[in-house]
């Protein structure tokens, strides 16, 4: 009986990986085609940039859910909380670093 349960869990895991892989390929190919052939949809550069960023964010979510198994159930809640904390810390470090560099560039170039 334990062998069957292990096999069922493996099959569900493979299904999740396959769905994640297919979604990742789709979420990669569409922005790639938008950038390589911008005349296909006639989007402006700004609209193309926003579209590529949104597809990138969607791909991050696909990777978190299907490959890192970040679920919102009781067991995975701590993983989600620690991921949110990590993202906030990285956003602060990167955002404040960019702000400091911009500020230094602005103040040094005015003289």
C-alpha atoms as a PDB file:
ATOM      1  CA  UNK A   1       0.000   0.000   0.000  1.00  0.00           C
ATOM      2  CA  UNK A   2       2.825   2.416   0.810  1.00  0.00           C
ATOM      3  CA  UNK A   3       4.354   1.770  -2.607  1.00  0.00           C
ATOM      4  CA  UNK A   4       1.097   2.823  -4.308  1.00  0.00           C
ATOM      5  CA  UNK A   5       0.858   6.013  -2.235  1.00  0.00           C
ATOM      6  CA  UNK A   6       4.437   6.901  -3.130  1.00  0.00           C
ATOM      7  CA  UNK A   7       3.703   6.251  -6.803  1.00  0.00           C
ATOM      8  CA  UNK A   8       0.567   8.462  -6.663  1.00  0.00           C
ATOM      9  CA  UNK A   9       2.528  11.286  -5.025  1.00  0.00           C
ATOM     10  CA  UNK A  10       5.214  10.954  -7.690  1.00  0.00           C
ATOM     11  CA  UNK A  11       2.621  11.105 -10.472  1.00  0.00           C
ATOM     12  CA  UNK A  12       1.065  14.270  -9.033  1.00  0.00           C
ATOM     13  CA  UNK A  13       4.534  15.828  -8.729  1.00  0.00           C
ATOM     14  CA  UNK A  14       5.349  14.962 -12.345  1.00  0.00           C
ATOM     15  CA  UNK A  15       2.036  16.462 -13.464  1.00  0.00           C
ATOM     16  CA  UNK A  16       2.821  19.684 -11.588  1.00  0.00           C
ATOM     17  CA  UNK A  17       6.298  19.846 -13.118  1.00  0.00           C
ATOM     18  CA  UNK A  18       4.896  19.258 -16.600  1.00  0.00           C
ATOM     19  CA  UNK A  19       2.263  21.990 -16.189  1.00  0.00           C
ATOM     20  CA  UNK A  20       4.912  24.361 -14.817  1.00  0.00           C
ATOM     21  CA  UNK A  21       7.260  23.582 -17.686  1.00  0.00           C
ATOM     22  CA  UNK A  22       4.587  24.163 -20.334  1.00  0.00           C
ATOM     23  CA  UNK A  23       3.516  27.442 -18.713  1.00  0.00           C
ATOM     24  CA  UNK A  24       7.149  28.551 -18.448  1.00  0.00           C
ATOM     25  CA  UNK A  25       7.767  27.863 -22.127  1.00  0.00           C
ATOM     26  CA  UNK A  26       4.619  29.780 -23.112  1.00  0.00           C
ATOM     27  CA  UNK A  27       5.499  32.678 -20.802  1.00  0.00           C
ATOM     28  CA  UNK A  28       8.976  32.809 -22.374  1.00  0.00           C
ATOM     29  CA  UNK A  29       8.060  32.431 -26.047  1.00  0.00           C
ATOM     30  CA  UNK A  30       5.367  35.135 -26.138  1.00  0.00           C
ATOM     31  CA  UNK A  31       7.574  38.001 -24.831  1.00  0.00           C
ATOM     32  CA  UNK A  32      10.464  36.767 -26.962  1.00  0.00           C
ATOM     33  CA  UNK A  33       8.307  36.950 -30.075  1.00  0.00           C
ATOM     34  CA  UNK A  34       7.016  40.402 -29.057  1.00  0.00           C
ATOM     35  CA  UNK A  35      10.572  41.694 -28.803  1.00  0.00           C
ATOM     36  CA  UNK A  36      11.862  39.970 -31.935  1.00  0.00           C
ATOM     37  CA  UNK A  37       8.845  40.951 -34.085  1.00  0.00           C
ATOM     38  CA  UNK A  38       7.422  44.201 -32.632  1.00  0.00           C
ATOM     39  CA  UNK A  39       5.442  44.936 -35.789  1.00  0.00           C
ATOM     40  CA  UNK A  40       3.276  41.835 -35.260  1.00  0.00           C
ATOM     41  CA  UNK A  41       0.962  43.536 -32.745  1.00  0.00           C
ATOM     42  CA  UNK A  42       2.000  47.120 -33.349  1.00  0.00           C
ATOM     43  CA  UNK A  43       2.676  47.828 -29.678  1.00  0.00           C
ATOM     44  CA  UNK A  44       4.714  50.851 -28.680  1.00  0.00           C
ATOM     45  CA  UNK A  45       8.052  50.367 -26.929  1.00  0.00           C
ATOM     46  CA  UNK A  46       6.500  51.242 -23.568  1.00  0.00           C
ATOM     47  CA  UNK A  47       3.618  48.824 -24.034  1.00  0.00           C
ATOM     48  CA  UNK A  48       6.047  46.107 -25.091  1.00  0.00           C
ATOM     49  CA  UNK A  49       8.178  46.759 -22.004  1.00  0.00           C
ATOM     50  CA  UNK A  50       5.162  46.576 -19.697  1.00  0.00           C
ATOM     51  CA  UNK A  51       3.979  43.384 -21.408  1.00  0.00           C
ATOM     52  CA  UNK A  52       7.391  41.735 -21.033  1.00  0.00           C
ATOM     53  CA  UNK A  53       7.586  42.727 -17.352  1.00  0.00           C
ATOM     54  CA  UNK A  54       4.083  41.354 -16.684  1.00  0.00           C
ATOM     55  CA  UNK A  55       4.945  38.077 -18.396  1.00  0.00           C
ATOM     56  CA  UNK A  56       8.117  37.942 -16.289  1.00  0.00           C
ATOM     57  CA  UNK A  57       6.147  38.422 -13.084  1.00  0.00           C
ATOM     58  CA  UNK A  58       3.705  35.719 -14.172  1.00  0.00           C
ATOM     59  CA  UNK A  59       6.648  33.407 -14.805  1.00  0.00           C
ATOM     60  CA  UNK A  60       8.029  34.089 -11.338  1.00  0.00           C
ATOM     61  CA  UNK A  61       4.667  33.069  -9.874  1.00  0.00           C
ATOM     62  CA  UNK A  62       4.596  29.909 -12.010  1.00  0.00           C
ATOM     63  CA  UNK A  63       8.068  28.964 -10.768  1.00  0.00           C
ATOM     64  CA  UNK A  64       7.135  29.618  -7.155  1.00  0.00           C
ATOM     65  CA  UNK A  65       3.959  27.535  -7.323  1.00  0.00           C
ATOM     66  CA  UNK A  66       4.905  24.668  -9.632  1.00  0.00           C
ATOM     67  CA  UNK A  67       8.625  24.210  -8.986  1.00  0.00           C
ATOM     68  CA  UNK A  68       9.182  25.525  -5.453  1.00  0.00           C
ATOM     69  CA  UNK A  69       5.736  24.287  -4.305  1.00  0.00           C
ATOM     70  CA  UNK A  70       4.844  27.486  -2.476  1.00  0.00           C
ATOM     71  CA  UNK A  71       1.265  26.807  -1.544  1.00  0.00           C
ATOM     72  CA  UNK A  72      -0.954  28.740   0.853  1.00  0.00           C
ATOM     73  CA  UNK A  73      -1.941  25.724   2.960  1.00  0.00           C
ATOM     74  CA  UNK A  74      -1.006  25.579   6.642  1.00  0.00           C
ATOM     75  CA  UNK A  75       2.208  23.675   5.967  1.00  0.00           C
ATOM     76  CA  UNK A  76       3.480  26.019   3.263  1.00  0.00           C
ATOM     77  CA  UNK A  77       2.415  29.259   4.943  1.00  0.00           C
ATOM     78  CA  UNK A  78       5.804  29.768   6.602  1.00  0.00           C
ATOM     79  CA  UNK A  79       7.501  29.363   3.244  1.00  0.00           C
ATOM     80  CA  UNK A  80       5.245  32.049   1.786  1.00  0.00           C
ATOM     81  CA  UNK A  81       5.880  34.395   4.712  1.00  0.00           C
ATOM     82  CA  UNK A  82       9.657  33.943   4.473  1.00  0.00           C
ATOM     83  CA  UNK A  83       9.495  34.490   0.685  1.00  0.00           C
ATOM     84  CA  UNK A  84       7.546  37.733   1.159  1.00  0.00           C
ATOM     85  CA  UNK A  85      10.086  38.889   3.755  1.00  0.00           C
ATOM     86  CA  UNK A  86      12.960  38.061   1.391  1.00  0.00           C
ATOM     87  CA  UNK A  87      11.334  39.948  -1.484  1.00  0.00           C
ATOM     88  CA  UNK A  88      10.782  42.990   0.740  1.00  0.00           C
ATOM     89  CA  UNK A  89      14.384  43.010   1.931  1.00  0.00           C
ATOM     90  CA  UNK A  90      15.688  42.669  -1.640  1.00  0.00           C
ATOM     91  CA  UNK A  91      13.329  45.432  -2.829  1.00  0.00           C
ATOM     92  CA  UNK A  92      14.567  47.732  -0.060  1.00  0.00           C
ATOM     93  CA  UNK A  93      18.228  47.016  -0.749  1.00  0.00           C
ATOM     94  CA  UNK A  94      17.933  47.374  -4.526  1.00  0.00           C
ATOM     95  CA  UNK A  95      15.515  50.322  -4.396  1.00  0.00           C
ATOM     96  CA  UNK A  96      17.541  52.276  -1.880  1.00  0.00           C
ATOM     97  CA  UNK A  97      20.785  51.506  -3.725  1.00  0.00           C
ATOM     98  CA  UNK A  98      19.325  52.857  -6.968  1.00  0.00           C
ATOM     99  CA  UNK A  99      18.018  55.913  -5.126  1.00  0.00           C
ATOM    100  CA  UNK A 100      21.450  56.571  -3.570  1.00  0.00           C
ATOM    101  CA  UNK A 101      23.208  56.176  -6.937  1.00  0.00           C
ATOM    102  CA  UNK A 102      20.705  58.471  -8.654  1.00  0.00           C
ATOM    103  CA  UNK A 103      21.016  61.035  -5.867  1.00  0.00           C
ATOM    104  CA  UNK A 104      24.812  60.960  -5.988  1.00  0.00           C
ATOM    105  CA  UNK A 105      24.775  61.296  -9.774  1.00  0.00           C
ATOM    106  CA  UNK A 106      22.304  64.193  -9.612  1.00  0.00           C
ATOM    107  CA  UNK A 107      24.248  66.094  -6.937  1.00  0.00           C
ATOM    108  CA  UNK A 108      27.665  65.504  -8.498  1.00  0.00           C
ATOM    109  CA  UNK A 109      26.608  66.518 -12.010  1.00  0.00           C
ATOM    110  CA  UNK A 110      25.113  69.883 -10.956  1.00  0.00           C
ATOM    111  CA  UNK A 111      28.509  71.449 -10.130  1.00  0.00           C
END
